[in-house]
Protein backbone atom coordinates (compact mmCIF):
# COMPACT_ATOMS: atom_id res chain seq x y z
CA MET A 1 -12.79 -12.49 16.57
CA PRO A 2 -12.12 -14.96 13.90
CA GLY A 3 -8.48 -16.00 15.07
CA GLY A 4 -8.48 -13.13 17.69
CA VAL A 5 -7.67 -10.38 15.09
CA ASN A 6 -9.95 -8.14 12.88
CA SER A 7 -7.27 -8.76 10.08
CA PRO A 8 -5.49 -11.63 8.84
CA VAL A 9 -1.85 -10.73 9.01
CA ARG A 10 -1.99 -9.39 12.68
CA ALA A 11 -2.30 -12.56 13.93
CA PHE A 12 1.24 -13.44 13.58
CA ARG A 13 0.31 -17.32 11.55
CA ALA A 14 3.02 -16.45 9.09
CA VAL A 15 5.44 -16.51 11.93
CA GLY A 16 4.23 -18.00 14.73
CA GLY A 17 3.51 -17.35 18.57
CA THR A 18 1.02 -14.60 19.85
CA PRO A 19 0.38 -11.06 18.70
CA VAL A 20 1.15 -8.34 20.36
CA PHE A 21 -1.64 -6.12 21.81
CA PHE A 22 -0.26 -2.25 21.85
CA GLU A 23 -1.62 0.52 23.89
CA ARG A 24 -0.39 3.56 22.68
CA ALA A 25 1.93 5.01 19.85
CA LYS A 26 4.11 8.01 19.43
CA GLY A 27 6.35 9.13 17.06
CA ALA A 28 8.66 6.23 15.97
CA ARG A 29 7.37 3.75 18.74
CA LEU A 30 4.58 1.34 19.58
CA PHE A 31 4.12 0.67 23.58
CA ASP A 32 2.51 -2.41 23.97
CA VAL A 33 0.03 -3.25 27.31
CA ASP A 34 3.24 -4.33 29.07
CA GLY A 35 4.69 -1.30 28.75
CA ASN A 36 7.58 -2.47 26.40
CA ALA A 37 8.29 0.03 23.54
CA TYR A 38 9.52 -0.63 20.10
CA ILE A 39 10.46 0.78 17.09
CA ASP A 40 8.12 0.35 14.64
CA TYR A 41 8.46 -0.66 10.69
CA VAL A 42 4.46 -1.34 10.01
CA SER A 43 3.05 2.12 10.25
CA SER A 44 -0.40 1.34 10.50
CA TRP A 45 0.67 -0.80 7.26
CA GLY A 46 1.97 2.53 5.50
CA ALA A 47 -0.76 4.94 6.85
CA ILE A 48 1.54 6.68 9.13
CA ILE A 49 3.85 8.82 7.49
CA LEU A 50 5.10 11.45 9.96
CA GLY A 51 4.87 9.50 12.88
CA HIS A 52 1.93 8.35 15.32
CA ALA A 53 0.44 10.86 17.08
CA ASP A 54 1.48 13.66 15.09
CA ASN A 55 0.70 16.73 16.86
CA LYS A 56 -0.79 18.57 14.38
CA VAL A 57 -2.84 15.53 13.24
CA THR A 58 -4.25 14.95 16.47
CA GLN A 59 -4.97 18.62 17.06
CA ALA A 60 -6.95 19.13 14.02
CA ILE A 61 -9.48 15.61 15.11
CA GLY A 62 -9.69 17.12 18.18
CA GLU A 63 -11.10 20.25 16.49
CA ALA A 64 -13.45 18.47 13.92
CA ALA A 65 -14.83 16.23 16.55
CA VAL A 66 -16.34 18.66 18.46
CA ARG A 67 -18.07 20.21 15.69
CA GLY A 68 -19.36 16.73 14.69
CA THR A 69 -18.27 13.17 13.73
CA SER A 70 -20.31 12.84 11.00
CA PHE A 71 -22.74 14.82 8.60
CA GLY A 72 -23.99 12.59 5.82
CA ALA A 73 -24.16 16.15 4.07
CA PRO A 74 -21.22 18.30 2.27
CA HIS A 75 -18.86 19.80 4.16
CA ALA A 76 -15.40 22.32 3.89
CA GLY A 77 -13.39 19.95 5.21
CA GLU A 78 -13.81 17.20 1.97
CA ILE A 79 -13.50 20.21 -0.42
CA THR A 80 -10.40 21.44 1.28
CA LEU A 81 -8.63 18.09 1.21
CA ALA A 82 -9.60 17.25 -2.45
CA ASN A 83 -7.84 20.09 -3.35
CA GLU A 84 -4.81 19.57 -1.75
CA ILE A 85 -4.50 16.08 -3.22
CA LEU A 86 -5.25 17.52 -6.55
CA GLY A 87 -2.75 19.88 -6.34
CA ARG A 88 -0.05 17.38 -5.96
CA VAL A 89 -1.14 14.62 -8.50
CA PRO A 90 -2.02 16.14 -12.38
CA ALA A 91 -3.38 13.19 -13.24
CA LEU A 92 -6.43 13.91 -10.81
CA GLU A 93 -8.87 16.01 -12.14
CA ARG A 94 -12.24 14.84 -10.47
CA ILE A 95 -11.79 12.88 -6.92
CA ARG A 96 -14.50 10.85 -4.98
CA MET A 97 -13.72 10.19 -1.49
CA VAL A 98 -14.37 6.75 0.54
CA ASN A 99 -13.94 5.04 3.52
CA SER A 100 -10.99 2.46 2.32
CA GLY A 101 -8.55 1.10 -0.43
CA THR A 102 -11.09 -1.87 -0.93
CA GLU A 103 -13.45 0.52 -1.69
CA ALA A 104 -11.63 2.71 -4.11
CA THR A 105 -10.51 0.05 -6.22
CA LEU A 106 -14.03 -1.59 -6.20
CA SER A 107 -15.15 1.63 -7.49
CA ALA A 108 -12.58 2.35 -10.21
CA ILE A 109 -13.41 -1.02 -11.85
CA ARG A 110 -16.75 -0.35 -11.61
CA LEU A 111 -15.97 2.69 -13.67
CA ALA A 112 -13.50 1.17 -15.97
CA ARG A 113 -16.24 -0.96 -16.50
CA ALA A 114 -18.84 1.75 -17.29
CA ALA A 115 -16.29 3.51 -19.28
CA THR A 116 -15.40 0.87 -21.39
CA GLY A 117 -18.78 -1.11 -22.28
CA ARG A 118 -16.33 -4.30 -21.00
CA SER A 119 -15.86 -6.81 -18.94
CA LYS A 120 -12.43 -7.99 -18.08
CA ILE A 121 -9.80 -6.58 -15.71
CA VAL A 122 -6.07 -7.89 -15.72
CA LYS A 123 -4.55 -7.76 -12.56
CA PHE A 124 -0.99 -8.74 -11.57
CA GLU A 125 -0.08 -12.00 -9.66
CA GLY A 126 1.11 -10.85 -5.88
CA ASN A 127 -0.35 -7.31 -6.28
CA TYR A 128 -3.51 -6.79 -3.74
CA HIS A 129 -6.08 -4.81 -4.13
CA GLY A 130 -8.11 -4.95 -1.38
CA ALA A 131 -10.45 -7.60 -0.20
CA VAL A 132 -12.40 -7.24 -3.38
CA ASP A 133 -14.14 -10.82 -4.90
CA SER A 134 -13.10 -10.23 -8.30
CA LEU A 135 -9.42 -9.61 -7.32
CA LEU A 136 -8.88 -12.46 -4.63
CA ALA A 137 -6.62 -14.32 -7.08
CA LYS A 138 -2.75 -14.78 -6.09
CA ALA A 139 -3.19 -11.29 -4.09
CA GLY A 140 -0.18 -11.39 -2.27
CA SER A 141 0.66 -10.90 1.52
CA GLY A 142 -2.20 -12.24 3.59
CA VAL A 143 -3.74 -14.65 1.11
CA ALA A 144 -0.53 -16.05 0.37
CA THR A 145 0.45 -16.30 3.95
CA PHE A 146 -2.43 -18.80 4.17
CA GLY A 147 -1.92 -21.02 1.22
CA LEU A 148 -4.78 -20.03 -0.38
CA PRO A 149 -4.58 -19.51 -4.14
CA ASP A 150 -8.35 -17.05 -3.76
CA SER A 151 -10.92 -17.35 -0.92
CA ALA A 152 -13.53 -19.45 -0.18
CA GLY A 153 -16.83 -17.66 -0.56
CA VAL A 154 -15.94 -16.16 -3.93
CA PRO A 155 -17.63 -18.28 -6.80
CA LYS A 156 -15.83 -18.92 -9.96
CA GLU A 157 -17.71 -16.80 -12.28
CA VAL A 158 -16.89 -13.84 -10.14
CA THR A 159 -13.16 -14.03 -10.95
CA GLY A 160 -14.16 -15.06 -14.57
CA HIS A 161 -13.80 -11.54 -15.37
CA THR A 162 -10.21 -11.70 -14.02
CA LEU A 163 -6.89 -12.19 -16.40
CA LEU A 164 -3.59 -12.66 -14.05
CA ALA A 165 -0.66 -11.25 -15.39
CA ARG A 166 3.05 -11.66 -14.01
CA TYR A 167 4.42 -8.61 -12.60
CA ASN A 168 7.06 -6.81 -14.60
CA ASP A 169 6.85 -8.60 -17.19
CA LEU A 170 5.53 -6.86 -20.43
CA SER A 171 5.45 -9.54 -23.10
CA HIS A 172 3.08 -11.39 -20.59
CA VAL A 173 0.97 -8.75 -20.37
CA ALA A 174 0.80 -8.51 -24.18
CA GLU A 175 -0.12 -12.08 -24.74
CA VAL A 176 -3.14 -11.83 -21.97
CA LEU A 177 -4.39 -8.44 -24.00
CA GLN A 178 -3.71 -9.78 -27.26
CA ALA A 179 -5.90 -13.44 -26.29
CA ASN A 180 -8.76 -11.28 -24.55
CA LEU A 181 -9.07 -8.66 -27.52
CA GLY A 182 -11.78 -5.85 -27.30
CA GLU A 183 -12.76 -7.10 -24.12
CA VAL A 184 -10.38 -5.98 -21.62
CA ALA A 185 -11.85 -2.54 -19.62
CA ALA A 186 -8.49 -1.81 -17.54
CA ILE A 187 -4.92 -2.99 -16.26
CA LEU A 188 -5.41 -2.57 -12.45
CA VAL A 189 -1.39 -2.50 -10.73
CA GLU A 190 0.57 -1.49 -7.83
CA PRO A 191 3.04 0.84 -9.81
CA VAL A 192 5.71 -0.57 -6.45
CA ALA A 193 4.06 -3.64 -5.61
CA GLY A 194 3.84 -3.98 -1.22
CA ASN A 195 2.27 -6.92 -1.10
CA MET A 196 4.72 -9.33 -1.92
CA GLY A 197 7.17 -7.58 -0.18
CA LEU A 198 9.02 -4.17 -1.55
CA VAL A 199 8.80 -5.04 -5.47
CA PRO A 200 9.47 -2.26 -7.34
CA PRO A 201 8.89 -1.58 -11.37
CA VAL A 202 11.75 -2.43 -13.49
CA ASP A 203 12.89 -0.34 -16.03
CA GLY A 204 10.15 0.60 -19.01
CA PHE A 205 7.47 -1.39 -17.10
CA LEU A 206 4.82 1.24 -16.31
CA VAL A 207 5.35 2.96 -19.52
CA GLY A 208 5.11 -0.13 -21.02
CA LEU A 209 1.61 -0.58 -19.09
CA ARG A 210 0.65 2.49 -20.42
CA ASN A 211 1.23 2.39 -24.12
CA LEU A 212 -0.32 -0.85 -24.21
CA ALA A 213 -3.62 0.10 -22.30
CA THR A 214 -3.86 2.67 -25.02
CA GLU A 215 -2.90 0.62 -27.63
CA HIS A 216 -5.96 -1.93 -26.22
CA GLY A 217 -8.63 0.73 -25.95
CA ALA A 218 -8.17 -0.20 -21.80
CA LEU A 219 -7.70 2.19 -19.09
CA LEU A 220 -4.52 2.18 -17.12
CA VAL A 221 -5.75 2.12 -13.03
CA PHE A 222 -2.82 2.62 -10.70
CA ASP A 223 -3.37 1.65 -7.08
CA GLU A 224 -1.66 4.09 -5.19
CA VAL A 225 -3.18 3.06 -1.68
CA MET A 226 -0.18 2.71 -0.35
CA THR A 227 2.25 4.83 -2.53
CA GLY A 228 0.25 7.94 -2.63
CA PHE A 229 2.15 10.41 -1.00
CA ARG A 230 4.46 7.50 0.50
CA ILE A 231 6.97 7.52 -2.25
CA SER A 232 6.98 11.17 -3.47
CA ARG A 233 5.02 14.30 -3.16
CA GLY A 234 2.72 13.53 -5.95
CA GLY A 235 3.28 9.19 -5.71
CA ALA A 236 3.57 7.08 -8.15
CA SER A 237 2.80 8.33 -11.00
CA GLU A 238 5.22 11.92 -10.41
CA ARG A 239 7.88 10.03 -9.31
CA PHE A 240 7.68 7.76 -12.70
CA ALA A 241 6.44 10.27 -14.66
CA ILE A 242 3.17 7.84 -16.06
CA THR A 243 -0.47 9.21 -16.41
CA PRO A 244 -2.99 6.46 -15.71
CA ASP A 245 -6.32 7.00 -16.40
CA LEU A 246 -7.65 6.44 -12.79
CA ILE A 247 -5.70 6.02 -9.41
CA CYS A 248 -6.55 4.53 -5.82
CA MET A 249 -5.59 5.85 -2.75
CA GLY A 250 -6.04 5.54 1.42
CA LYS A 251 -3.88 5.21 3.63
CA VAL A 252 -1.64 8.26 4.33
CA ILE A 253 -4.12 10.54 2.89
CA GLY A 254 -6.11 9.95 6.27
CA GLY A 255 -3.90 10.90 8.48
CA GLY A 256 -4.26 7.06 10.11
CA LEU A 257 -8.18 7.28 10.13
CA PRO A 258 -9.86 5.39 7.74
CA VAL A 259 -10.12 6.64 4.26
CA GLY A 260 -10.24 5.86 0.76
CA ALA A 261 -10.58 7.92 -2.80
CA TYR A 262 -10.24 7.36 -6.07
CA GLY A 263 -9.97 9.53 -9.30
CA GLY A 264 -8.87 11.06 -12.46
CA ARG A 265 -9.71 12.87 -15.74
CA LYS A 266 -12.88 14.93 -15.62
CA GLU A 267 -14.47 13.02 -18.37
CA LEU A 268 -14.23 9.27 -16.43
CA MET A 269 -15.35 10.84 -13.26
CA ASP A 270 -18.29 12.45 -14.56
CA LEU A 271 -19.91 9.29 -15.44
CA VAL A 272 -20.12 8.67 -11.71
CA ALA A 273 -23.42 9.26 -9.52
CA PRO A 274 -24.80 11.95 -9.60
CA SER A 275 -23.12 13.68 -12.49
CA GLY A 276 -23.22 10.05 -14.28
CA PRO A 277 -24.70 6.21 -14.49
CA MET A 278 -22.10 4.79 -12.24
CA TYR A 279 -23.45 4.43 -8.76
CA GLN A 280 -21.28 4.66 -5.88
CA ALA A 281 -22.01 6.15 -2.50
CA GLY A 282 -21.07 5.33 1.29
CA THR A 283 -22.64 7.02 4.18
CA LEU A 284 -19.25 8.39 6.17
CA SER A 285 -17.23 8.84 2.79
CA GLY A 286 -15.91 12.53 3.55
CA ASN A 287 -16.16 11.93 7.21
CA PRO A 288 -15.33 15.33 8.67
CA LEU A 289 -12.56 13.56 10.92
CA ALA A 290 -10.57 11.99 8.33
CA MET A 291 -10.72 14.89 6.23
CA ALA A 292 -9.28 16.86 8.39
CA ALA A 293 -6.47 14.65 9.72
CA GLY A 294 -5.95 13.74 6.11
CA LEU A 295 -5.62 17.74 5.58
CA ALA A 296 -3.33 18.17 8.60
CA ALA A 297 -0.94 15.07 7.47
CA VAL A 298 -0.75 15.63 3.84
CA SER A 299 -0.09 19.50 4.25
CA GLN A 300 3.19 18.56 5.80
CA LEU A 301 4.59 16.48 3.40
CA ASP A 302 7.01 18.58 1.42
CA ALA A 303 10.31 18.20 -0.10
CA THR A 304 12.24 18.59 3.08
CA LEU A 305 10.06 15.79 4.44
CA TYR A 306 11.21 13.66 1.23
CA GLU A 307 14.73 14.57 1.71
CA ARG A 308 14.96 13.35 4.96
CA LEU A 309 12.51 10.11 4.87
CA ASP A 310 14.99 9.19 1.61
CA ALA A 311 18.34 9.86 3.53
CA LEU A 312 17.09 7.77 6.39
CA GLY A 313 15.99 4.86 3.91
CA SER A 314 19.41 5.24 2.37
CA ARG A 315 21.11 4.50 5.66
CA LEU A 316 18.79 1.61 6.73
CA GLU A 317 18.97 0.06 3.09
CA LEU A 318 23.11 0.05 3.11
CA GLY A 319 22.93 -1.35 6.78
CA LEU A 320 20.64 -3.92 6.22
CA ARG A 321 22.71 -5.34 3.08
CA GLN A 322 26.00 -5.29 5.14
CA ALA A 323 24.32 -6.71 8.01
CA THR A 324 23.44 -9.82 5.76
CA THR A 325 26.60 -9.74 4.03
CA ALA A 326 28.51 -9.95 7.09
CA ALA A 327 26.19 -12.86 8.52
CA GLY A 328 26.70 -14.51 4.94
CA VAL A 329 23.21 -14.96 4.15
CA PRO A 330 21.80 -14.50 0.72
CA ALA A 331 19.54 -11.76 0.71
CA GLN A 332 18.00 -9.07 -1.22
CA THR A 333 17.27 -5.78 0.45
CA GLN A 334 15.03 -3.67 -2.14
CA ARG A 335 13.54 0.10 -1.44
CA ILE A 336 11.87 2.94 -3.00
CA GLY A 337 10.97 5.86 -0.76
CA SER A 338 10.09 4.84 2.68
CA MET A 339 9.02 1.39 1.69
CA ILE A 340 11.65 -1.44 2.36
CA SER A 341 11.65 -5.28 2.52
CA VAL A 342 14.68 -7.69 2.83
CA PHE A 343 13.88 -11.14 0.91
CA PHE A 344 16.06 -14.26 1.88
CA ASN A 345 17.04 -15.26 -1.90
CA ALA A 346 19.88 -15.41 -3.73
CA SER A 347 18.71 -13.15 -6.54
CA PRO A 348 16.91 -9.69 -7.18
CA VAL A 349 12.86 -9.90 -6.51
CA THR A 350 11.46 -8.93 -9.23
CA ASN A 351 7.75 -10.89 -9.28
CA PHE A 352 5.47 -12.85 -6.89
CA ASP A 353 7.02 -16.23 -7.75
CA GLU A 354 10.67 -15.17 -6.88
CA ALA A 355 9.19 -13.21 -3.43
CA THR A 356 7.69 -16.41 -2.59
CA LEU A 357 11.25 -18.40 -2.60
CA SER A 358 12.13 -16.50 0.36
CA ASP A 359 13.22 -18.51 3.27
CA LYS A 360 10.13 -17.75 5.36
CA ALA A 361 11.27 -20.03 8.41
CA LEU A 362 14.68 -17.82 8.67
CA PHE A 363 12.41 -14.73 8.68
CA GLY A 364 10.21 -15.95 11.14
CA ARG A 365 13.15 -16.56 13.27
CA VAL A 366 14.54 -13.14 12.66
CA PHE A 367 10.77 -11.68 13.40
CA HIS A 368 10.81 -12.95 16.72
CA ARG A 369 14.38 -11.94 18.10
CA LEU A 370 14.07 -8.97 16.54
CA LEU A 371 10.96 -8.20 18.58
CA ASP A 372 12.91 -9.24 21.43
CA LYS A 373 15.28 -6.50 20.93
CA GLY A 374 12.32 -3.69 20.75
CA ILE A 375 11.90 -4.18 16.92
CA TYR A 376 8.44 -4.09 15.19
CA LEU A 377 8.42 -5.56 11.36
CA PRO A 378 5.08 -6.66 9.80
CA PRO A 379 4.79 -10.31 10.58
CA SER A 380 5.31 -11.57 7.57
CA ALA A 381 7.97 -12.01 4.99
CA LEU A 382 5.83 -11.14 2.41
CA GLU A 383 4.77 -7.19 3.60
CA SER A 384 6.80 -4.09 3.15
CA TRP A 385 8.42 -2.19 5.93
CA PHE A 386 7.15 1.03 6.43
CA PHE A 387 9.02 3.92 8.33
CA THR A 388 8.12 7.57 9.17
CA ALA A 389 9.57 10.86 9.48
CA SER A 390 9.67 10.59 13.35
CA HIS A 391 12.09 7.96 12.50
CA THR A 392 15.59 9.10 13.82
CA VAL A 393 19.48 7.97 12.57
CA ASP A 394 19.69 6.40 16.01
CA ASP A 395 16.72 4.59 15.35
CA ILE A 396 18.02 3.38 12.01
CA ASP A 397 21.67 2.39 13.75
CA ARG A 398 19.77 0.26 16.58
CA THR A 399 17.51 -1.50 14.27
CA VAL A 400 20.57 -2.10 11.84
CA GLU A 401 22.59 -3.35 14.69
CA ALA A 402 19.68 -5.60 16.13
CA PHE A 403 19.20 -6.99 12.46
CA GLY A 404 22.73 -8.14 12.36
CA ASP A 405 22.30 -9.66 15.86
CA ALA A 406 19.15 -11.38 15.06
CA LEU A 407 20.55 -12.83 11.90
CA ARG A 408 23.53 -14.61 13.58
CA GLU A 409 21.36 -15.52 16.21
CA SER A 410 18.95 -17.13 13.67
CA VAL A 411 21.43 -19.05 11.35
């Protein structure tokens, strides 16, 4: 395997050292091949929200597996999960299941171009939308970790239709749109950025994007692969009361199995084959195991669960802030729901340029000291942390104590 891994950030290049290999997981814990236990804040990069190996999810997978692992044909499970998702997200009237977040964003872009007859896409510096050729430009986390402006193997012509804007800067978005009048098919955005660390939208940013998209005849596309059902029962569109034209999802809706989805208004989705001329297909789309796992996970996400996650998050956020203050380390702890990051910056982080100013060397030292103390963070300063409903108050308090000790040992 290139670099010994199947996804780049897992290789520990941003923090140094050798990656940990895991054998099993349960609840809030990961267990490595040497038998060491870790409180997990990667949570399969946000896909796990109930906790690892949730009993209802694993039972649903087992029951589905004995009925068949793949049909390549319609089945009731995909309809049931689709209805569960649509019942939670009013902006979705039609949905198409795919196999990954990357596939969802790729398809949504194609659909936006088909609907508008335009070619250009506005994306934001530090927003990551999967390994799509045209979107690997200032794509945050993994690409930034390796110091690459984009990716080898991507022709300049492919990114020629990609326009970059500064996250949380409406005036810059307006300038980009004005300079490309009548040419922009869509504004594609992570409503809460999670691939340059956790960076929330500033007040008015998302509603401003909605207004600009409408004014310029472009579609507003929310990439909710991370935020979908992670930050609220209805995702970011519900939390911020914004109605995008299209939404991309993944992670949580698969209950830990590979999945993706894109959807939106009926008239847009009716352009997708076989109803319309925009072609997109996949052998494993709507896979019965993923649909069963997703339904078992999403159906458990009620108001009580989000109240619990927010209470845990508030406790963790306060504890981390107190720890950095006590250590005399300039830092910004930023959180929405069960997503959180600590930037070693003197000022709040609102965009990609500010995120890259975080002290990455200090993060690397803290990361390894926490690893030694049984705390597993994402191995990059430019990744959001995720916690689950299986984390306990004791887990949070142990994490805060270990973080404070790791900081004092690292400065």
